[in-house]
Protein backbone atom coordinates (compact mmCIF):
# COMPACT_ATOMS: atom_id res chain seq x y z
CA UNK A 1 0.00 0.00 0.00
CA UNK A 2 1.54 3.36 -0.99
CA UNK A 3 0.17 5.30 2.01
CA UNK A 4 1.08 4.06 5.47
CA UNK A 5 -0.39 7.10 7.20
CA UNK A 6 -3.74 8.88 7.02
CA UNK A 7 -4.32 12.60 7.61
CA UNK A 8 -7.88 13.87 8.07
CA UNK A 9 -8.77 17.55 8.33
CA UNK A 10 -11.90 19.28 9.52
CA UNK A 11 -12.54 22.37 7.39
CA UNK A 12 -14.44 25.16 9.14
CA UNK A 13 -12.46 26.99 11.81
CA UNK A 14 -9.70 24.43 11.30
CA UNK A 15 -8.19 24.78 7.82
CA UNK A 16 -10.31 27.90 7.34
CA UNK A 17 -10.38 30.71 9.92
CA UNK A 18 -14.18 30.92 9.58
CA UNK A 19 -17.22 28.71 9.05
CA UNK A 20 -17.92 28.27 5.33
CA UNK A 21 -21.47 27.02 5.88
CA UNK A 22 -22.42 30.06 7.95
CA UNK A 23 -20.59 32.35 5.51
CA UNK A 24 -22.47 30.85 2.56
CA UNK A 25 -25.73 31.60 4.39
CA UNK A 26 -24.62 35.21 4.71
CA UNK A 27 -23.69 35.23 1.03
CA UNK A 28 -27.20 34.03 0.14
CA UNK A 29 -28.52 37.10 1.95
CA UNK A 30 -26.09 39.24 -0.05
CA UNK A 31 -27.39 37.63 -3.27
CA UNK A 32 -30.99 38.42 -2.32
CA UNK A 33 -31.93 34.73 -2.38
CA UNK A 34 -33.45 34.80 1.09
CA UNK A 35 -35.45 36.93 3.48
CA UNK A 36 -32.40 38.79 4.73
CA UNK A 37 -33.06 39.62 8.41
CA UNK A 38 -34.95 36.39 9.12
CA UNK A 39 -32.40 34.21 7.33
CA UNK A 40 -29.50 35.90 9.10
CA UNK A 41 -31.13 35.48 12.50
CA UNK A 42 -31.85 31.79 11.90
CA UNK A 43 -28.39 31.21 10.45
CA UNK A 44 -26.80 32.76 13.54
CA UNK A 45 -28.98 30.68 15.85
CA UNK A 46 -28.02 27.42 14.16
CA UNK A 47 -24.36 28.40 14.25
CA UNK A 48 -24.59 29.09 17.99
CA UNK A 49 -26.22 25.68 18.45
CA UNK A 50 -23.40 24.03 16.50
CA UNK A 51 -20.74 25.69 18.63
CA UNK A 52 -22.61 24.65 21.77
CA UNK A 53 -22.80 21.04 20.58
CA UNK A 54 -26.62 21.09 20.49
CA UNK A 55 -27.29 21.39 16.75
CA UNK A 56 -30.40 19.72 15.29
CA UNK A 57 -28.66 18.65 12.10
CA UNK A 58 -31.76 17.69 10.11
CA UNK A 59 -33.39 21.05 10.82
CA UNK A 60 -30.21 22.89 9.93
CA UNK A 61 -29.74 21.01 6.66
CA UNK A 62 -33.30 21.76 5.59
CA UNK A 63 -32.64 25.43 6.30
CA UNK A 64 -29.17 25.69 4.76
CA UNK A 65 -29.99 23.78 1.56
CA UNK A 66 -33.26 25.63 0.86
CA UNK A 67 -31.61 28.52 -1.09
CA UNK A 68 -30.23 26.00 -3.61
CA UNK A 69 -33.61 24.51 -4.49
CA UNK A 70 -34.90 25.21 -7.98
CA UNK A 71 -31.96 27.31 -9.10
CA UNK A 72 -30.29 26.33 -12.39
CA UNK A 73 -26.87 24.72 -11.97
CA UNK A 74 -25.15 27.48 -13.92
CA UNK A 75 -26.62 30.15 -11.61
CA UNK A 76 -25.39 28.26 -8.57
CA UNK A 77 -21.95 27.72 -10.12
CA UNK A 78 -21.57 31.43 -10.86
CA UNK A 79 -22.70 32.36 -7.36
CA UNK A 80 -20.26 29.95 -5.76
CA UNK A 81 -17.45 31.25 -7.96
CA UNK A 82 -18.15 34.74 -6.61
CA UNK A 83 -18.29 33.33 -3.07
CA UNK A 84 -14.87 31.76 -3.53
CA UNK A 85 -13.28 34.94 -4.89
CA UNK A 86 -14.94 37.37 -2.49
CA UNK A 87 -15.06 35.36 0.74
CA UNK A 88 -13.03 32.14 0.77
CA UNK A 89 -9.80 32.62 -1.16
CA UNK A 90 -8.82 35.90 0.58
CA UNK A 91 -9.01 34.07 3.93
CA UNK A 92 -7.04 30.92 3.13
CA UNK A 93 -3.86 31.25 5.17
CA UNK A 94 -0.40 30.01 4.14
CA UNK A 95 -0.10 28.21 7.49
CA UNK A 96 -3.12 26.02 6.67
CA UNK A 97 -1.85 25.28 3.18
CA UNK A 98 1.55 24.40 4.66
CA UNK A 99 -0.03 21.92 7.11
CA UNK A 100 -1.76 20.09 4.27
CA UNK A 101 1.34 20.15 2.09
CA UNK A 102 3.43 18.71 4.94
CA UNK A 103 1.25 15.61 5.06
CA UNK A 104 1.05 15.34 1.28
CA UNK A 105 4.81 15.59 0.90
CA UNK A 106 5.20 12.85 3.51
CA UNK A 107 3.10 10.61 1.28
CA UNK A 108 0.12 10.53 3.66
CA UNK A 109 -3.36 9.87 2.32
CA UNK A 110 -5.19 13.16 2.93
CA UNK A 111 -8.90 13.87 3.15
CA UNK A 112 -11.08 16.76 4.33
CA UNK A 113 -13.93 15.53 6.54
CA UNK A 114 -16.59 18.18 7.12
CA UNK A 115 -20.19 18.47 8.26
CA UNK A 116 -20.75 21.19 5.67
CA UNK A 117 -22.42 20.11 2.43
CA UNK A 118 -20.54 19.18 -0.73
CA UNK A 119 -21.93 22.10 -2.77
CA UNK A 120 -20.22 24.58 -0.48
CA UNK A 121 -17.06 22.62 0.21
CA UNK A 122 -16.00 20.86 -3.01
CA UNK A 123 -14.41 23.98 -4.55
CA UNK A 124 -12.78 24.78 -1.19
CA UNK A 125 -11.19 21.33 -1.01
CA UNK A 126 -9.90 21.88 -4.54
CA UNK A 127 -8.40 25.22 -3.48
CA UNK A 128 -6.45 23.35 -0.80
CA UNK A 129 -5.31 20.80 -3.36
CA UNK A 130 -6.99 17.94 -1.48
CA UNK A 131 -8.64 15.51 -3.94
CA UNK A 132 -10.59 13.61 -1.28
CA UNK A 133 -13.60 15.19 0.42
CA UNK A 134 -16.14 13.71 2.81
CA UNK A 135 -19.06 16.11 3.23
CA UNK A 136 -22.83 16.02 3.58
CA UNK A 137 -24.02 14.58 0.26
CA UNK A 138 -26.61 16.84 -1.33
CA UNK A 139 -29.42 15.32 -3.37
CA UNK A 140 -30.16 16.37 -6.96
CA UNK A 141 -32.93 15.56 -9.40
CA UNK A 142 -32.57 14.19 -12.94
CA UNK A 143 -31.83 17.70 -14.27
CA UNK A 144 -29.03 18.23 -11.78
CA UNK A 145 -31.00 20.64 -9.63
CA UNK A 146 -30.78 20.50 -5.86
CA UNK A 147 -33.86 19.13 -4.11
CA UNK A 148 -33.07 20.47 -0.63
CA UNK A 149 -32.51 16.91 0.59
CA UNK A 150 -29.45 14.83 1.24
CA UNK A 151 -28.54 11.16 1.13
CA UNK A 152 -26.33 8.82 3.05
CA UNK A 153 -25.05 9.37 6.58
CA UNK A 154 -24.26 13.02 7.26
CA UNK A 155 -20.60 13.51 8.14
CA UNK A 156 -21.37 14.93 11.58
CA UNK A 157 -20.22 13.72 14.99
CA UNK A 158 -20.12 9.88 14.89
CA UNK A 159 -21.13 10.13 11.23
CA UNK A 160 -17.60 11.29 10.42
CA UNK A 161 -16.25 7.90 11.51
CA UNK A 162 -18.94 6.05 9.56
CA UNK A 163 -18.38 8.05 6.38
CA UNK A 164 -14.58 7.84 6.63
CA UNK A 165 -14.82 4.08 7.10
CA UNK A 166 -17.08 3.86 4.03
CA UNK A 167 -14.69 6.00 2.00
CA UNK A 168 -11.75 3.82 2.95
CA UNK A 169 -13.69 0.66 2.13
CA UNK A 170 -14.46 2.03 -1.33
CA UNK A 171 -10.70 2.14 -1.87
CA UNK A 172 -10.28 -1.39 -0.46
CA UNK A 173 -8.74 0.04 2.72
CA UNK A 174 -9.61 0.16 6.38
CA UNK A 175 -8.22 1.83 9.48
CA UNK A 176 -5.91 -1.08 10.21
CA UNK A 177 -3.97 -0.43 7.00
CA UNK A 178 -2.41 2.71 8.48
CA UNK A 179 0.47 2.93 10.93
CA UNK A 180 -0.56 6.42 12.04
CA UNK A 181 -3.77 8.44 11.64
CA UNK A 182 -4.24 12.16 12.26
CA UNK A 183 -7.34 14.26 12.63
CA UNK A 184 -7.28 18.04 13.01
CA UNK A 185 -10.36 19.82 14.39
CA UNK A 186 -11.58 22.81 16.38
CA UNK A 187 -14.95 21.50 17.56
CA UNK A 188 -16.27 19.41 20.44
CA UNK A 189 -18.65 17.91 17.85
CA UNK A 190 -15.62 16.08 16.45
CA UNK A 191 -14.73 14.32 19.71
CA UNK A 192 -15.70 10.88 18.29
CA UNK A 193 -13.27 11.07 15.37
CA UNK A 194 -10.57 12.72 17.46
CA UNK A 195 -10.77 9.75 19.84
CA UNK A 196 -10.69 7.31 16.93
CA UNK A 197 -7.32 8.34 15.45
CA UNK A 198 -3.84 7.75 16.81
CA UNK A 199 -2.90 11.45 16.61
CA UNK A 200 -5.73 13.85 17.54
CA UNK A 201 -4.74 17.50 17.10
CA UNK A 202 -7.00 20.37 18.15
CA UNK A 203 -6.83 23.62 16.22
CA UNK A 204 -8.10 26.83 17.82
CA UNK A 205 -10.43 24.68 19.94
CA UNK A 206 -13.78 25.78 21.28
CA UNK A 207 -13.91 25.94 25.10
CA UNK A 208 -15.23 22.40 25.61
CA UNK A 209 -12.69 20.89 23.23
CA UNK A 210 -9.90 22.94 24.82
CA UNK A 211 -10.80 21.46 28.21
CA UNK A 212 -10.92 17.94 26.76
CA UNK A 213 -7.53 18.48 25.10
CA UNK A 214 -6.05 19.52 28.45
CA UNK A 215 -7.46 16.41 30.11
CA UNK A 216 -6.20 14.08 27.38
CA UNK A 217 -2.90 15.80 26.71
CA UNK A 218 -3.77 16.38 23.05
CA UNK A 219 -1.59 18.89 21.18
CA UNK A 220 -3.08 22.29 20.36
CA UNK A 221 -2.17 23.92 17.07
CA UNK A 222 -2.52 27.64 16.32
CA UNK A 223 -2.76 28.14 12.58
CA UNK A 224 -4.22 31.64 12.68
CA UNK A 225 -2.33 33.81 15.19
C-alpha atoms as a PDB file:
ATOM      1  CA  UNK A   1       0.000   0.000   0.000  1.00  0.00           C
ATOM      2  CA  UNK A   2       1.545   3.356  -0.989  1.00  0.00           C
ATOM      3  CA  UNK A   3       0.165   5.305   2.005  1.00  0.00           C
ATOM      4  CA  UNK A   4       1.078   4.057   5.469  1.00  0.00           C
ATOM      5  CA  UNK A   5      -0.395   7.097   7.203  1.00  0.00           C
ATOM      6  CA  UNK A   6      -3.745   8.880   7.016  1.00  0.00           C
ATOM      7  CA  UNK A   7      -4.320  12.598   7.612  1.00  0.00           C
ATOM      8  CA  UNK A   8      -7.878  13.875   8.068  1.00  0.00           C
ATOM      9  CA  UNK A   9      -8.772  17.547   8.331  1.00  0.00           C
ATOM     10  CA  UNK A  10     -11.896  19.278   9.522  1.00  0.00           C
ATOM     11  CA  UNK A  11     -12.536  22.369   7.391  1.00  0.00           C
ATOM     12  CA  UNK A  12     -14.439  25.156   9.140  1.00  0.00           C
ATOM     13  CA  UNK A  13     -12.457  26.995  11.813  1.00  0.00           C
ATOM     14  CA  UNK A  14      -9.698  24.425  11.299  1.00  0.00           C
ATOM     15  CA  UNK A  15      -8.192  24.783   7.824  1.00  0.00           C
ATOM     16  CA  UNK A  16     -10.314  27.898   7.337  1.00  0.00           C
ATOM     17  CA  UNK A  17     -10.381  30.707   9.917  1.00  0.00           C
ATOM     18  CA  UNK A  18     -14.176  30.922   9.580  1.00  0.00           C
ATOM     19  CA  UNK A  19     -17.220  28.710   9.049  1.00  0.00           C
ATOM     20  CA  UNK A  20     -17.919  28.265   5.334  1.00  0.00           C
ATOM     21  CA  UNK A  21     -21.472  27.021   5.883  1.00  0.00           C
ATOM     22  CA  UNK A  22     -22.418  30.060   7.953  1.00  0.00           C
ATOM     23  CA  UNK A  23     -20.587  32.352   5.514  1.00  0.00           C
ATOM     24  CA  UNK A  24     -22.472  30.846   2.556  1.00  0.00           C
ATOM     25  CA  UNK A  25     -25.730  31.601   4.391  1.00  0.00           C
ATOM     26  CA  UNK A  26     -24.618  35.210   4.711  1.00  0.00           C
ATOM     27  CA  UNK A  27     -23.691  35.232   1.026  1.00  0.00           C
ATOM     28  CA  UNK A  28     -27.204  34.028   0.137  1.00  0.00           C
ATOM     29  CA  UNK A  29     -28.521  37.102   1.948  1.00  0.00           C
ATOM     30  CA  UNK A  30     -26.091  39.238  -0.051  1.00  0.00           C
ATOM     31  CA  UNK A  31     -27.393  37.631  -3.269  1.00  0.00           C
ATOM     32  CA  UNK A  32     -30.985  38.416  -2.316  1.00  0.00           C
ATOM     33  CA  UNK A  33     -31.927  34.730  -2.381  1.00  0.00           C
ATOM     34  CA  UNK A  34     -33.449  34.801   1.087  1.00  0.00           C
ATOM     35  CA  UNK A  35     -35.450  36.931   3.477  1.00  0.00           C
ATOM     36  CA  UNK A  36     -32.397  38.795   4.726  1.00  0.00           C
ATOM     37  CA  UNK A  37     -33.064  39.621   8.409  1.00  0.00           C
ATOM     38  CA  UNK A  38     -34.948  36.393   9.121  1.00  0.00           C
ATOM     39  CA  UNK A  39     -32.397  34.207   7.334  1.00  0.00           C
ATOM     40  CA  UNK A  40     -29.496  35.898   9.105  1.00  0.00           C
ATOM     41  CA  UNK A  41     -31.131  35.478  12.503  1.00  0.00           C
ATOM     42  CA  UNK A  42     -31.847  31.787  11.905  1.00  0.00           C
ATOM     43  CA  UNK A  43     -28.388  31.209  10.447  1.00  0.00           C
ATOM     44  CA  UNK A  44     -26.801  32.760  13.536  1.00  0.00           C
ATOM     45  CA  UNK A  45     -28.983  30.676  15.845  1.00  0.00           C
ATOM     46  CA  UNK A  46     -28.025  27.417  14.160  1.00  0.00           C
ATOM     47  CA  UNK A  47     -24.356  28.405  14.251  1.00  0.00           C
ATOM     48  CA  UNK A  48     -24.592  29.091  17.991  1.00  0.00           C
ATOM     49  CA  UNK A  49     -26.224  25.677  18.454  1.00  0.00           C
ATOM     50  CA  UNK A  50     -23.403  24.033  16.503  1.00  0.00           C
ATOM     51  CA  UNK A  51     -20.737  25.694  18.635  1.00  0.00           C
ATOM     52  CA  UNK A  52     -22.613  24.647  21.774  1.00  0.00           C
ATOM     53  CA  UNK A  53     -22.804  21.038  20.576  1.00  0.00           C
ATOM     54  CA  UNK A  54     -26.624  21.095  20.487  1.00  0.00           C
ATOM     55  CA  UNK A  55     -27.291  21.392  16.750  1.00  0.00           C
ATOM     56  CA  UNK A  56     -30.400  19.722  15.289  1.00  0.00           C
ATOM     57  CA  UNK A  57     -28.657  18.649  12.101  1.00  0.00           C
ATOM     58  CA  UNK A  58     -31.759  17.694  10.110  1.00  0.00           C
ATOM     59  CA  UNK A  59     -33.390  21.054  10.820  1.00  0.00           C
ATOM     60  CA  UNK A  60     -30.214  22.886   9.927  1.00  0.00           C
ATOM     61  CA  UNK A  61     -29.740  21.011   6.658  1.00  0.00           C
ATOM     62  CA  UNK A  62     -33.303  21.761   5.588  1.00  0.00           C
ATOM     63  CA  UNK A  63     -32.641  25.431   6.299  1.00  0.00           C
ATOM     64  CA  UNK A  64     -29.167  25.686   4.756  1.00  0.00           C
ATOM     65  CA  UNK A  65     -29.995  23.781   1.561  1.00  0.00           C
ATOM     66  CA  UNK A  66     -33.256  25.630   0.858  1.00  0.00           C
ATOM     67  CA  UNK A  67     -31.614  28.523  -1.088  1.00  0.00           C
ATOM     68  CA  UNK A  68     -30.228  25.996  -3.613  1.00  0.00           C
ATOM     69  CA  UNK A  69     -33.610  24.507  -4.485  1.00  0.00           C
ATOM     70  CA  UNK A  70     -34.897  25.212  -7.982  1.00  0.00           C
ATOM     71  CA  UNK A  71     -31.959  27.312  -9.100  1.00  0.00           C
ATOM     72  CA  UNK A  72     -30.286  26.334 -12.386  1.00  0.00           C
ATOM     73  CA  UNK A  73     -26.869  24.717 -11.966  1.00  0.00           C
ATOM     74  CA  UNK A  74     -25.155  27.484 -13.924  1.00  0.00           C
ATOM     75  CA  UNK A  75     -26.619  30.146 -11.610  1.00  0.00           C
ATOM     76  CA  UNK A  76     -25.385  28.264  -8.573  1.00  0.00           C
ATOM     77  CA  UNK A  77     -21.954  27.716 -10.117  1.00  0.00           C
ATOM     78  CA  UNK A  78     -21.568  31.426 -10.862  1.00  0.00           C
ATOM     79  CA  UNK A  79     -22.695  32.360  -7.358  1.00  0.00           C
ATOM     80  CA  UNK A  80     -20.263  29.951  -5.758  1.00  0.00           C
ATOM     81  CA  UNK A  81     -17.451  31.252  -7.955  1.00  0.00           C
ATOM     82  CA  UNK A  82     -18.146  34.742  -6.606  1.00  0.00           C
ATOM     83  CA  UNK A  83     -18.292  33.333  -3.066  1.00  0.00           C
ATOM     84  CA  UNK A  84     -14.869  31.756  -3.528  1.00  0.00           C
ATOM     85  CA  UNK A  85     -13.281  34.939  -4.890  1.00  0.00           C
ATOM     86  CA  UNK A  86     -14.936  37.366  -2.487  1.00  0.00           C
ATOM     87  CA  UNK A  87     -15.060  35.364   0.741  1.00  0.00           C
ATOM     88  CA  UNK A  88     -13.035  32.143   0.769  1.00  0.00           C
ATOM     89  CA  UNK A  89      -9.802  32.622  -1.163  1.00  0.00           C
ATOM     90  CA  UNK A  90      -8.822  35.897   0.583  1.00  0.00           C
ATOM     91  CA  UNK A  91      -9.009  34.073   3.932  1.00  0.00           C
ATOM     92  CA  UNK A  92      -7.036  30.918   3.131  1.00  0.00           C
ATOM     93  CA  UNK A  93      -3.858  31.248   5.171  1.00  0.00           C
ATOM     94  CA  UNK A  94      -0.402  30.010   4.142  1.00  0.00           C
ATOM     95  CA  UNK A  95      -0.103  28.213   7.488  1.00  0.00           C
ATOM     96  CA  UNK A  96      -3.121  26.022   6.669  1.00  0.00           C
ATOM     97  CA  UNK A  97      -1.847  25.277   3.180  1.00  0.00           C
ATOM     98  CA  UNK A  98       1.550  24.396   4.665  1.00  0.00           C
ATOM     99  CA  UNK A  99      -0.031  21.917   7.108  1.00  0.00           C
ATOM    100  CA  UNK A 100      -1.765  20.092   4.270  1.00  0.00           C
ATOM    101  CA  UNK A 101       1.342  20.154   2.094  1.00  0.00           C
ATOM    102  CA  UNK A 102       3.435  18.707   4.939  1.00  0.00           C
ATOM    103  CA  UNK A 103       1.254  15.611   5.057  1.00  0.00           C
ATOM    104  CA  UNK A 104       1.046  15.340   1.282  1.00  0.00           C
ATOM    105  CA  UNK A 105       4.814  15.591   0.901  1.00  0.00           C
ATOM    106  CA  UNK A 106       5.204  12.847   3.511  1.00  0.00           C
ATOM    107  CA  UNK A 107       3.099  10.615   1.283  1.00  0.00           C
ATOM    108  CA  UNK A 108       0.125  10.528   3.655  1.00  0.00           C
ATOM    109  CA  UNK A 109      -3.360   9.870   2.320  1.00  0.00           C
ATOM    110  CA  UNK A 110      -5.192  13.162   2.927  1.00  0.00           C
ATOM    111  CA  UNK A 111      -8.904  13.872   3.155  1.00  0.00           C
ATOM    112  CA  UNK A 112     -11.083  16.764   4.334  1.00  0.00           C
ATOM    113  CA  UNK A 113     -13.933  15.526   6.536  1.00  0.00           C
ATOM    114  CA  UNK A 114     -16.589  18.178   7.124  1.00  0.00           C
ATOM    115  CA  UNK A 115     -20.190  18.467   8.260  1.00  0.00           C
ATOM    116  CA  UNK A 116     -20.747  21.189   5.673  1.00  0.00           C
ATOM    117  CA  UNK A 117     -22.424  20.107   2.431  1.00  0.00           C
ATOM    118  CA  UNK A 118     -20.539  19.180  -0.727  1.00  0.00           C
ATOM    119  CA  UNK A 119     -21.931  22.095  -2.772  1.00  0.00           C
ATOM    120  CA  UNK A 120     -20.220  24.585  -0.484  1.00  0.00           C
ATOM    121  CA  UNK A 121     -17.059  22.616   0.207  1.00  0.00           C
ATOM    122  CA  UNK A 122     -15.996  20.856  -3.010  1.00  0.00           C
ATOM    123  CA  UNK A 123     -14.412  23.985  -4.548  1.00  0.00           C
ATOM    124  CA  UNK A 124     -12.776  24.784  -1.195  1.00  0.00           C
ATOM    125  CA  UNK A 125     -11.188  21.333  -1.010  1.00  0.00           C
ATOM    126  CA  UNK A 126      -9.899  21.883  -4.537  1.00  0.00           C
ATOM    127  CA  UNK A 127      -8.401  25.222  -3.481  1.00  0.00           C
ATOM    128  CA  UNK A 128      -6.451  23.354  -0.795  1.00  0.00           C
ATOM    129  CA  UNK A 129      -5.311  20.796  -3.355  1.00  0.00           C
ATOM    130  CA  UNK A 130      -6.990  17.936  -1.476  1.00  0.00           C
ATOM    131  CA  UNK A 131      -8.640  15.510  -3.936  1.00  0.00           C
ATOM    132  CA  UNK A 132     -10.591  13.609  -1.279  1.00  0.00           C
ATOM    133  CA  UNK A 133     -13.605  15.192   0.422  1.00  0.00           C
ATOM    134  CA  UNK A 134     -16.141  13.714   2.807  1.00  0.00           C
ATOM    135  CA  UNK A 135     -19.062  16.106   3.226  1.00  0.00           C
ATOM    136  CA  UNK A 136     -22.833  16.023   3.580  1.00  0.00           C
ATOM    137  CA  UNK A 137     -24.025  14.582   0.259  1.00  0.00           C
ATOM    138  CA  UNK A 138     -26.613  16.840  -1.328  1.00  0.00           C
ATOM    139  CA  UNK A 139     -29.418  15.319  -3.372  1.00  0.00           C
ATOM    140  CA  UNK A 140     -30.157  16.373  -6.963  1.00  0.00           C
ATOM    141  CA  UNK A 141     -32.927  15.563  -9.400  1.00  0.00           C
ATOM    142  CA  UNK A 142     -32.572  14.192 -12.945  1.00  0.00           C
ATOM    143  CA  UNK A 143     -31.832  17.699 -14.265  1.00  0.00           C
ATOM    144  CA  UNK A 144     -29.026  18.225 -11.781  1.00  0.00           C
ATOM    145  CA  UNK A 145     -31.002  20.642  -9.630  1.00  0.00           C
ATOM    146  CA  UNK A 146     -30.784  20.496  -5.860  1.00  0.00           C
ATOM    147  CA  UNK A 147     -33.855  19.131  -4.106  1.00  0.00           C
ATOM    148  CA  UNK A 148     -33.073  20.465  -0.634  1.00  0.00           C
ATOM    149  CA  UNK A 149     -32.513  16.911   0.587  1.00  0.00           C
ATOM    150  CA  UNK A 150     -29.446  14.826   1.243  1.00  0.00           C
ATOM    151  CA  UNK A 151     -28.535  11.161   1.128  1.00  0.00           C
ATOM    152  CA  UNK A 152     -26.329   8.823   3.055  1.00  0.00           C
ATOM    153  CA  UNK A 153     -25.049   9.367   6.577  1.00  0.00           C
ATOM    154  CA  UNK A 154     -24.264  13.023   7.264  1.00  0.00           C
ATOM    155  CA  UNK A 155     -20.600  13.506   8.143  1.00  0.00           C
ATOM    156  CA  UNK A 156     -21.373  14.931  11.580  1.00  0.00           C
ATOM    157  CA  UNK A 157     -20.223  13.722  14.993  1.00  0.00           C
ATOM    158  CA  UNK A 158     -20.116   9.876  14.888  1.00  0.00           C
ATOM    159  CA  UNK A 159     -21.133  10.130  11.231  1.00  0.00           C
ATOM    160  CA  UNK A 160     -17.602  11.288  10.424  1.00  0.00           C
ATOM    161  CA  UNK A 161     -16.253   7.904  11.511  1.00  0.00           C
ATOM    162  CA  UNK A 162     -18.938   6.052   9.558  1.00  0.00           C
ATOM    163  CA  UNK A 163     -18.376   8.053   6.375  1.00  0.00           C
ATOM    164  CA  UNK A 164     -14.585   7.836   6.626  1.00  0.00           C
ATOM    165  CA  UNK A 165     -14.817   4.080   7.098  1.00  0.00           C
ATOM    166  CA  UNK A 166     -17.083   3.855   4.027  1.00  0.00           C
ATOM    167  CA  UNK A 167     -14.694   6.002   2.003  1.00  0.00           C
ATOM    168  CA  UNK A 168     -11.752   3.818   2.954  1.00  0.00           C
ATOM    169  CA  UNK A 169     -13.695   0.657   2.130  1.00  0.00           C
ATOM    170  CA  UNK A 170     -14.464   2.026  -1.334  1.00  0.00           C
ATOM    171  CA  UNK A 171     -10.696   2.140  -1.866  1.00  0.00           C
ATOM    172  CA  UNK A 172     -10.284  -1.385  -0.455  1.00  0.00           C
ATOM    173  CA  UNK A 173      -8.740   0.035   2.716  1.00  0.00           C
ATOM    174  CA  UNK A 174      -9.610   0.155   6.380  1.00  0.00           C
ATOM    175  CA  UNK A 175      -8.222   1.835   9.484  1.00  0.00           C
ATOM    176  CA  UNK A 176      -5.906  -1.083  10.209  1.00  0.00           C
ATOM    177  CA  UNK A 177      -3.965  -0.430   7.002  1.00  0.00           C
ATOM    178  CA  UNK A 178      -2.411   2.711   8.476  1.00  0.00           C
ATOM    179  CA  UNK A 179       0.467   2.934  10.933  1.00  0.00           C
ATOM    180  CA  UNK A 180      -0.560   6.421  12.042  1.00  0.00           C
ATOM    181  CA  UNK A 181      -3.768   8.441  11.641  1.00  0.00           C
ATOM    182  CA  UNK A 182      -4.235  12.157  12.263  1.00  0.00           C
ATOM    183  CA  UNK A 183      -7.344  14.264  12.629  1.00  0.00           C
ATOM    184  CA  UNK A 184      -7.279  18.042  13.011  1.00  0.00           C
ATOM    185  CA  UNK A 185     -10.360  19.819  14.385  1.00  0.00           C
ATOM    186  CA  UNK A 186     -11.575  22.815  16.378  1.00  0.00           C
ATOM    187  CA  UNK A 187     -14.947  21.497  17.556  1.00  0.00           C
ATOM    188  CA  UNK A 188     -16.272  19.406  20.441  1.00  0.00           C
ATOM    189  CA  UNK A 189     -18.652  17.907  17.851  1.00  0.00           C
ATOM    190  CA  UNK A 190     -15.621  16.079  16.454  1.00  0.00           C
ATOM    191  CA  UNK A 191     -14.734  14.317  19.706  1.00  0.00           C
ATOM    192  CA  UNK A 192     -15.701  10.878  18.289  1.00  0.00           C
ATOM    193  CA  UNK A 193     -13.274  11.067  15.370  1.00  0.00           C
ATOM    194  CA  UNK A 194     -10.570  12.721  17.464  1.00  0.00           C
ATOM    195  CA  UNK A 195     -10.773   9.752  19.836  1.00  0.00           C
ATOM    196  CA  UNK A 196     -10.690   7.308  16.928  1.00  0.00           C
ATOM    197  CA  UNK A 197      -7.324   8.340  15.447  1.00  0.00           C
ATOM    198  CA  UNK A 198      -3.837   7.748  16.806  1.00  0.00           C
ATOM    199  CA  UNK A 199      -2.900  11.450  16.607  1.00  0.00           C
ATOM    200  CA  UNK A 200      -5.734  13.846  17.538  1.00  0.00           C
ATOM    201  CA  UNK A 201      -4.739  17.498  17.100  1.00  0.00           C
ATOM    202  CA  UNK A 202      -6.996  20.366  18.151  1.00  0.00           C
ATOM    203  CA  UNK A 203      -6.826  23.617  16.216  1.00  0.00           C
ATOM    204  CA  UNK A 204      -8.102  26.834  17.819  1.00  0.00           C
ATOM    205  CA  UNK A 205     -10.428  24.681  19.944  1.00  0.00           C
ATOM    206  CA  UNK A 206     -13.780  25.776  21.277  1.00  0.00           C
ATOM    207  CA  UNK A 207     -13.912  25.944  25.099  1.00  0.00           C
ATOM    208  CA  UNK A 208     -15.234  22.401  25.610  1.00  0.00           C
ATOM    209  CA  UNK A 209     -12.692  20.888  23.232  1.00  0.00           C
ATOM    210  CA  UNK A 210      -9.904  22.935  24.817  1.00  0.00           C
ATOM    211  CA  UNK A 211     -10.796  21.461  28.206  1.00  0.00           C
ATOM    212  CA  UNK A 212     -10.917  17.940  26.756  1.00  0.00           C
ATOM    213  CA  UNK A 213      -7.535  18.479  25.105  1.00  0.00           C
ATOM    214  CA  UNK A 214      -6.046  19.521  28.449  1.00  0.00           C
ATOM    215  CA  UNK A 215      -7.462  16.414  30.106  1.00  0.00           C
ATOM    216  CA  UNK A 216      -6.197  14.077  27.375  1.00  0.00           C
ATOM    217  CA  UNK A 217      -2.904  15.804  26.712  1.00  0.00           C
ATOM    218  CA  UNK A 218      -3.766  16.380  23.055  1.00  0.00           C
ATOM    219  CA  UNK A 219      -1.587  18.886  21.184  1.00  0.00           C
ATOM    220  CA  UNK A 220      -3.079  22.288  20.365  1.00  0.00           C
ATOM    221  CA  UNK A 221      -2.169  23.921  17.072  1.00  0.00           C
ATOM    222  CA  UNK A 222      -2.519  27.636  16.325  1.00  0.00           C
ATOM    223  CA  UNK A 223      -2.757  28.139  12.579  1.00  0.00           C
ATOM    224  CA  UNK A 224      -4.218  31.640  12.678  1.00  0.00           C
ATOM    225  CA  UNK A 225      -2.331  33.805  15.188  1.00  0.00           C
END
